[in-house]
Protein backbone atom coordinates (compact mmCIF):
# COMPACT_ATOMS: atom_id res chain seq x y z
CA MET A 1 -8.72 -7.38 9.03
CA THR A 2 -9.12 -10.54 7.24
CA VAL A 3 -10.79 -11.06 3.63
CA ALA A 4 -13.24 -13.78 3.41
CA ILE A 5 -12.60 -15.03 -0.08
CA ARG A 6 -15.19 -17.85 -1.23
CA THR A 7 -14.19 -21.08 -3.04
CA ARG A 8 -16.31 -23.28 -4.99
CA PRO A 9 -16.54 -27.05 -4.43
CA GLY A 10 -13.05 -28.11 -5.56
CA GLY A 11 -11.42 -25.10 -4.25
CA GLU A 12 -11.90 -22.65 -7.35
CA ARG A 13 -11.73 -19.07 -5.60
CA THR A 14 -15.00 -17.21 -6.52
CA ASP A 15 -13.42 -13.95 -7.23
CA SER A 16 -10.76 -15.18 -10.00
CA HIS A 17 -13.23 -14.10 -12.16
CA ASN A 18 -13.20 -10.41 -11.11
CA ALA A 19 -11.42 -7.91 -13.26
CA SER A 20 -9.60 -6.70 -10.16
CA VAL A 21 -8.03 -9.89 -9.35
CA ASN A 22 -5.45 -11.51 -11.45
CA LYS A 23 -6.65 -14.97 -11.99
CA GLU A 24 -3.07 -16.45 -12.67
CA LEU A 25 -1.87 -15.09 -9.16
CA ALA A 26 -5.01 -15.89 -7.46
CA GLU A 27 -4.96 -19.53 -8.68
CA ALA A 28 -1.01 -19.94 -7.03
CA GLY A 29 -2.31 -18.92 -3.90
CA LEU A 30 -1.49 -15.23 -3.84
CA CYS A 31 -4.11 -12.25 -3.27
CA GLY A 32 -3.79 -11.24 -6.94
CA MET A 33 -5.89 -7.93 -6.31
CA THR A 34 -5.27 -5.48 -9.01
CA HIS A 35 -4.93 -1.65 -8.40
CA LEU A 36 -7.15 -0.93 -11.40
CA ALA A 37 -5.55 2.75 -11.56
CA THR A 38 -2.12 1.54 -11.83
CA GLY A 39 -2.26 -1.95 -13.09
CA ARG A 40 -0.38 -3.51 -10.01
CA VAL A 41 -0.92 -6.65 -8.39
CA CYS A 42 -1.33 -7.56 -4.85
CA VAL A 43 1.69 -10.48 -4.19
CA ARG A 44 0.57 -11.25 -0.60
CA PRO A 45 -0.97 -14.65 0.22
CA ALA A 46 -4.68 -15.09 -0.25
CA ARG A 47 -6.76 -13.87 2.46
CA HIS A 48 -3.89 -11.88 4.18
CA SER A 49 -4.46 -9.41 6.65
CA GLY A 50 -3.75 -5.75 6.34
CA SER A 51 -2.58 -3.96 3.23
CA CYS A 52 -2.46 -5.15 -0.47
CA ASP A 53 1.71 -5.25 -1.22
CA PHE A 54 1.03 -3.94 -4.89
CA ARG A 55 4.02 -4.55 -7.39
CA THR A 56 4.13 -4.45 -11.08
CA ARG A 57 3.28 -7.13 -13.06
CA GLU A 58 6.34 -7.98 -14.12
CA GLU A 59 7.64 -8.00 -10.29
CA ALA A 60 4.47 -10.35 -9.86
CA GLU A 61 5.36 -12.60 -12.88
CA ARG A 62 9.20 -12.89 -11.44
CA LEU A 63 7.79 -13.61 -7.91
CA LEU A 64 5.45 -16.46 -9.20
CA ALA A 65 8.20 -17.87 -11.30
CA ARG A 66 10.50 -18.59 -8.52
CA ARG A 67 7.62 -19.48 -6.14
CA GLU A 68 6.85 -22.60 -8.74
CA SER A 69 10.68 -23.27 -9.25
CA ALA A 70 11.23 -23.62 -5.60
CA ALA A 71 8.11 -25.79 -5.37
CA ALA A 72 9.28 -27.92 -8.43
CA SER A 73 12.56 -28.40 -6.96
CA THR A 74 10.98 -29.79 -3.89
CA ARG A 75 8.92 -32.68 -5.35
């Protein structure tokens, strides 16, 4: 199952303004869906198929920092 995520002109995801989507992760190209009962967030790529991979916010922030660091080192 593929989730359709709409974007505005300029590429901004329309779901990033949804309280159940972590905006920081969504802007980084990750799913960012938040499990409201636990506060865990999905760290899989945006528009992924299958189930979300929910992690604690701390784990998600570490993953995001590693991705940004790796991207910066390849520039």
